[in-house]
């Protein structure tokens, strides 16, 4: 793909909150035979700025996957990045809000397996109005567990994620659009582990037609009996996509995705994916 710069990286330096914040961006999962435990943290977003929210795992455990909840009413808010912190102890979000009424919650799914991961990445520059889907790929002796994304911009940021999903056994794809005035860099991350350590993952999905404009639609993908959801993904269609307001595990078998609709046609569907491992 023209303009794409590929690199195997484990760090992305993002200029946020007036300082350089270092991230390892991913949506990760574990190979354990039971679902990871949950930690959360909520903040009220700062109006007209980027707000960092993180959820810390308890001692002896590390975030192996994560999610978010974003609540707003008469305002506009979105996540420009989320993933595991450099020290591998926290799941972090970066939320952009036009009003202080938005509340952002980081959700960490915690397991001792979080210390044993590797990260691969791909990136592309997007001009105003441009969109693209890129794919980060694990090495040949690795398998992808999950993935993540980040938008990096010199300004407040105008990148909105449209899709983030497991493309195949070694790859994670992320798509986004630049609706802002400045160029942005879209980065896709794949969370990889040695092939022998990765459970056989199956994919469950659920597609739901969007409701009327500026309303919230929810899709829930359910793993089969005897399996649990390790992580999830989504696709949000439309020339102006909806904002993913919720990405979270429900119980142990389900992964729920909610999105606030944008300017969407009546035939557009929200699709949630659950990546399921046997118990």
Protein backbone atom coordinates (compact mmCIF):
# COMPACT_ATOMS: atom_id res chain seq x y z
CA UNK A 1 0.00 0.00 0.00
CA UNK A 2 1.45 3.37 -0.99
CA UNK A 3 2.43 5.48 1.95
CA UNK A 4 2.42 2.57 4.36
CA UNK A 5 5.46 2.20 6.60
CA UNK A 6 5.79 -1.22 8.16
CA UNK A 7 7.80 -1.92 11.32
CA UNK A 8 7.87 -4.45 14.14
CA UNK A 9 7.58 -2.25 17.20
CA UNK A 10 6.63 -2.55 20.83
CA UNK A 11 6.34 1.16 21.59
CA UNK A 12 4.53 4.14 20.08
CA UNK A 13 5.32 7.63 21.37
CA UNK A 14 2.16 9.72 21.26
CA UNK A 15 2.17 13.45 21.96
CA UNK A 16 -0.70 13.65 24.43
CA UNK A 17 -1.75 15.82 27.36
CA UNK A 18 1.11 18.24 26.65
CA UNK A 19 3.76 15.57 27.15
CA UNK A 20 5.02 12.43 25.48
CA UNK A 21 3.13 9.38 26.66
CA UNK A 22 4.50 5.99 25.62
CA UNK A 23 2.10 3.25 24.75
CA UNK A 24 2.09 -0.34 23.73
CA UNK A 25 -1.19 -0.39 21.84
CA UNK A 26 -3.14 -3.58 21.69
CA UNK A 27 -6.22 -5.49 22.53
CA UNK A 28 -4.64 -8.58 24.06
CA UNK A 29 -5.73 -11.96 25.26
CA UNK A 30 -4.37 -14.83 27.32
CA UNK A 31 -3.95 -18.50 26.75
CA UNK A 32 -5.25 -19.46 30.19
CA UNK A 33 -8.10 -21.93 30.52
CA UNK A 34 -10.34 -19.46 32.36
CA UNK A 35 -11.44 -15.93 31.66
CA UNK A 36 -9.21 -13.14 33.01
CA UNK A 37 -10.37 -11.04 35.96
CA UNK A 38 -11.63 -7.46 35.51
CA UNK A 39 -10.33 -4.06 36.65
CA UNK A 40 -11.89 -0.69 35.75
CA UNK A 41 -11.26 3.03 36.16
CA UNK A 42 -13.49 5.97 35.16
CA UNK A 43 -12.70 9.65 34.52
CA UNK A 44 -14.66 12.67 33.33
CA UNK A 45 -13.18 13.82 30.03
CA UNK A 46 -11.62 17.28 29.82
CA UNK A 47 -13.53 19.48 27.36
CA UNK A 48 -11.61 20.26 24.19
CA UNK A 49 -8.63 18.12 25.19
CA UNK A 50 -7.38 14.54 25.32
CA UNK A 51 -7.98 12.60 28.54
CA UNK A 52 -5.87 9.61 29.57
CA UNK A 53 -7.79 6.93 31.49
CA UNK A 54 -6.19 3.75 32.79
CA UNK A 55 -7.23 0.61 34.65
CA UNK A 56 -4.57 -1.15 36.74
CA UNK A 57 -4.43 -4.90 37.30
CA UNK A 58 -3.79 -6.28 40.80
CA UNK A 59 -0.36 -7.47 41.90
CA UNK A 60 0.83 -10.56 40.02
CA UNK A 61 -1.51 -9.99 37.08
CA UNK A 62 -1.19 -7.98 33.87
CA UNK A 63 -3.75 -6.76 31.32
CA UNK A 64 -4.09 -9.34 28.57
CA UNK A 65 -7.02 -7.61 26.91
CA UNK A 66 -9.16 -4.57 27.46
CA UNK A 67 -12.17 -2.56 26.51
CA UNK A 68 -13.97 0.67 27.20
CA UNK A 69 -17.23 2.43 27.95
CA UNK A 70 -17.80 5.97 26.69
CA UNK A 71 -20.82 7.93 27.96
CA UNK A 72 -21.94 11.24 26.51
CA UNK A 73 -25.24 13.02 25.83
CA UNK A 74 -25.34 16.46 24.16
CA UNK A 75 -21.71 16.33 23.10
CA UNK A 76 -19.30 14.44 20.87
CA UNK A 77 -16.54 12.17 22.16
CA UNK A 78 -14.42 9.34 20.80
CA UNK A 79 -11.33 7.26 21.65
CA UNK A 80 -8.18 8.04 19.69
CA UNK A 81 -6.08 5.25 21.24
CA UNK A 82 -6.30 2.37 23.67
CA UNK A 83 -3.99 -0.38 24.80
CA UNK A 84 -1.57 -1.72 27.38
CA UNK A 85 0.87 0.68 29.03
CA UNK A 86 4.62 0.38 28.55
CA UNK A 87 5.08 -1.21 31.98
CA UNK A 88 2.39 -3.81 31.09
CA UNK A 89 0.43 -3.06 34.27
CA UNK A 90 -2.42 -0.91 32.93
CA UNK A 91 -4.99 -0.77 30.16
CA UNK A 92 -5.07 2.81 28.86
CA UNK A 93 -7.49 4.88 26.79
CA UNK A 94 -7.13 8.31 25.23
CA UNK A 95 -10.51 10.02 24.92
CA UNK A 96 -11.22 13.24 23.01
CA UNK A 97 -14.36 15.16 24.08
CA UNK A 98 -15.96 18.43 23.00
CA UNK A 99 -17.68 18.75 26.38
CA UNK A 100 -16.71 17.94 29.98
CA UNK A 101 -19.86 15.85 30.46
CA UNK A 102 -18.35 12.82 28.71
CA UNK A 103 -17.24 9.97 30.99
CA UNK A 104 -14.66 7.41 29.88
CA UNK A 105 -14.04 4.02 31.50
CA UNK A 106 -11.02 1.83 30.85
CA UNK A 107 -11.53 -1.91 31.33
CA UNK A 108 -8.60 -4.26 31.90
CA UNK A 109 -8.85 -8.06 31.72
CA UNK A 110 -6.04 -9.33 33.91
CA UNK A 111 -3.98 -12.53 33.95
CA UNK A 112 -0.39 -13.60 34.74
CA UNK A 113 -0.05 -14.40 31.01
CA UNK A 114 0.08 -10.67 30.22
CA UNK A 115 3.85 -10.58 30.72
CA UNK A 116 4.55 -12.91 27.75
CA UNK A 117 3.61 -11.08 24.56
CA UNK A 118 5.22 -9.56 21.46
CA UNK A 119 3.88 -6.76 19.28
CA UNK A 120 3.94 -6.09 15.54
CA UNK A 121 2.62 -3.00 13.77
CA UNK A 122 1.76 -1.27 10.53
CA UNK A 123 0.94 2.38 9.91
CA UNK A 124 -0.27 4.81 7.26
CA UNK A 125 -0.59 8.58 6.90
CA UNK A 126 -4.12 9.88 6.28
CA UNK A 127 -4.91 13.30 4.86
CA UNK A 128 -8.19 15.06 5.63
CA UNK A 129 -11.11 12.93 4.44
CA UNK A 130 -8.99 9.87 3.70
CA UNK A 131 -9.71 6.42 5.10
CA UNK A 132 -7.78 3.16 5.00
CA UNK A 133 -7.57 -0.32 6.47
CA UNK A 134 -4.15 -1.68 7.41
CA UNK A 135 -2.97 -4.99 8.82
CA UNK A 136 -0.30 -5.85 11.37
CA UNK A 137 1.10 -9.38 10.97
CA UNK A 138 2.83 -11.71 13.42
CA UNK A 139 5.99 -13.63 12.55
CA UNK A 140 5.64 -17.06 10.95
CA UNK A 141 6.17 -18.90 14.23
CA UNK A 142 3.63 -16.69 16.03
CA UNK A 143 -0.15 -16.44 16.12
CA UNK A 144 -2.20 -13.32 16.72
CA UNK A 145 -4.23 -13.17 19.89
CA UNK A 146 -5.75 -9.76 19.30
CA UNK A 147 -4.81 -6.22 18.33
CA UNK A 148 -5.32 -2.51 18.78
CA UNK A 149 -5.02 0.90 17.16
CA UNK A 150 -3.90 4.49 17.66
CA UNK A 151 -4.25 7.80 15.83
CA UNK A 152 -1.31 10.21 16.11
CA UNK A 153 -1.70 13.86 15.08
CA UNK A 154 0.03 17.18 15.63
CA UNK A 155 -3.32 18.70 16.61
CA UNK A 156 -6.14 17.58 18.86
CA UNK A 157 -6.79 14.72 16.47
CA UNK A 158 -9.45 13.84 13.97
CA UNK A 159 -9.01 10.09 13.53
CA UNK A 160 -12.01 7.84 14.08
CA UNK A 161 -11.73 4.04 14.12
CA UNK A 162 -14.12 2.21 11.77
CA UNK A 163 -13.05 -1.38 12.31
CA UNK A 164 -10.69 -3.45 14.43
CA UNK A 165 -10.73 -7.22 14.02
CA UNK A 166 -8.74 -10.45 13.72
CA UNK A 167 -8.10 -10.93 10.01
CA UNK A 168 -6.64 -14.47 10.23
CA UNK A 169 -4.52 -16.59 12.54
CA UNK A 170 -1.50 -14.25 12.19
CA UNK A 171 -3.02 -10.84 11.43
CA UNK A 172 -5.03 -8.02 12.98
CA UNK A 173 -6.67 -5.33 10.80
CA UNK A 174 -7.67 -1.80 11.74
CA UNK A 175 -9.52 0.74 9.61
CA UNK A 176 -10.13 4.43 10.23
CA UNK A 177 -10.96 7.81 8.74
CA UNK A 178 -9.41 11.24 9.20
CA UNK A 179 -12.25 13.74 9.69
CA UNK A 180 -10.00 16.48 11.10
CA UNK A 181 -8.04 19.35 9.57
CA UNK A 182 -4.55 17.93 10.21
CA UNK A 183 -2.87 14.83 8.80
CA UNK A 184 -3.00 11.83 11.11
CA UNK A 185 -1.08 8.58 11.37
CA UNK A 186 -3.17 5.46 11.84
CA UNK A 187 -1.30 2.63 13.57
CA UNK A 188 -2.50 -0.97 13.77
CA UNK A 189 -1.05 -3.33 16.38
CA UNK A 190 -1.04 -7.12 16.51
CA UNK A 191 -0.58 -8.92 19.81
CA UNK A 192 1.42 -12.04 19.05
CA UNK A 193 2.56 -15.12 20.93
CA UNK A 194 4.47 -18.29 20.01
CA UNK A 195 2.28 -20.65 18.02
CA UNK A 196 2.55 -23.43 20.60
CA UNK A 197 1.16 -21.14 23.34
CA UNK A 198 -1.87 -19.86 21.46
CA UNK A 199 -5.19 -21.66 21.95
CA UNK A 200 -7.30 -22.59 18.96
CA UNK A 201 -9.49 -19.51 18.58
CA UNK A 202 -12.88 -19.53 16.91
CA UNK A 203 -14.89 -16.49 15.90
CA UNK A 204 -18.46 -15.67 16.89
CA UNK A 205 -20.26 -12.69 15.37
CA UNK A 206 -23.48 -10.71 15.59
CA UNK A 207 -24.71 -8.06 13.14
CA UNK A 208 -27.44 -5.54 13.95
CA UNK A 209 -28.89 -2.82 11.71
CA UNK A 210 -28.25 0.67 13.02
CA UNK A 211 -31.08 2.62 14.61
CA UNK A 212 -31.97 6.19 13.65
CA UNK A 213 -29.28 8.87 13.52
CA UNK A 214 -27.64 9.87 16.82
CA UNK A 215 -28.90 6.82 18.68
CA UNK A 216 -27.04 3.83 20.09
CA UNK A 217 -27.03 0.35 18.57
CA UNK A 218 -25.66 -2.76 20.31
CA UNK A 219 -24.45 -6.09 18.92
CA UNK A 220 -23.38 -9.01 21.12
CA UNK A 221 -21.33 -11.94 19.83
CA UNK A 222 -21.63 -15.15 21.90
CA UNK A 223 -19.10 -17.96 22.15
CA UNK A 224 -20.32 -21.55 22.07
CA UNK A 225 -20.81 -23.57 25.22
CA UNK A 226 -17.49 -24.73 26.62
CA UNK A 227 -15.69 -21.60 25.39
CA UNK A 228 -15.06 -18.12 26.75
CA UNK A 229 -14.45 -14.77 25.07
CA UNK A 230 -10.81 -13.72 25.20
CA UNK A 231 -11.28 -10.47 23.30
CA UNK A 232 -13.48 -8.85 20.70
CA UNK A 233 -13.51 -6.80 17.53
CA UNK A 234 -15.95 -4.78 15.45
CA UNK A 235 -16.82 -3.18 12.14
CA UNK A 236 -18.78 0.07 11.93
CA UNK A 237 -19.84 0.94 8.37
CA UNK A 238 -20.89 4.18 6.73
CA UNK A 239 -19.32 7.14 4.95
CA UNK A 240 -19.38 8.86 8.36
CA UNK A 241 -19.06 5.94 10.78
CA UNK A 242 -20.57 5.64 14.20
CA UNK A 243 -18.54 6.10 17.38
CA UNK A 244 -17.74 2.84 19.24
CA UNK A 245 -18.99 3.66 22.73
CA UNK A 246 -18.68 0.21 24.32
CA UNK A 247 -16.34 -2.72 23.82
CA UNK A 248 -16.47 -5.18 26.69
CA UNK A 249 -16.82 -8.78 27.77
CA UNK A 250 -20.21 -9.70 29.22
CA UNK A 251 -20.15 -12.66 31.57
CA UNK A 252 -17.52 -15.04 30.22
CA UNK A 253 -18.91 -16.06 26.79
CA UNK A 254 -20.09 -12.78 25.23
CA UNK A 255 -18.45 -9.69 23.76
CA UNK A 256 -20.60 -6.58 23.42
CA UNK A 257 -20.06 -3.68 21.02
CA UNK A 258 -22.18 -0.52 21.10
CA UNK A 259 -21.90 2.43 18.72
CA UNK A 260 -23.55 5.84 18.48
CA UNK A 261 -24.71 6.24 14.89
CA UNK A 262 -23.39 8.90 12.57
CA UNK A 263 -24.73 9.77 9.13
CA UNK A 264 -25.56 6.20 8.19
CA UNK A 265 -27.73 4.58 5.55
CA UNK A 266 -30.63 2.34 6.52
CA UNK A 267 -28.83 -0.77 5.25
CA UNK A 268 -25.73 -0.37 7.43
CA UNK A 269 -25.02 -2.94 10.14
CA UNK A 270 -22.89 -2.90 13.26
CA UNK A 271 -20.96 -6.17 13.62
CA UNK A 272 -19.44 -7.47 16.85
CA UNK A 273 -16.85 -10.27 16.97
CA UNK A 274 -15.92 -12.50 19.91
CA UNK A 275 -12.69 -14.48 19.76
CA UNK A 276 -13.32 -17.65 21.70
CA UNK A 277 -11.01 -20.13 23.42
CA UNK A 278 -11.92 -23.53 24.85
CA UNK A 279 -12.13 -23.90 28.60
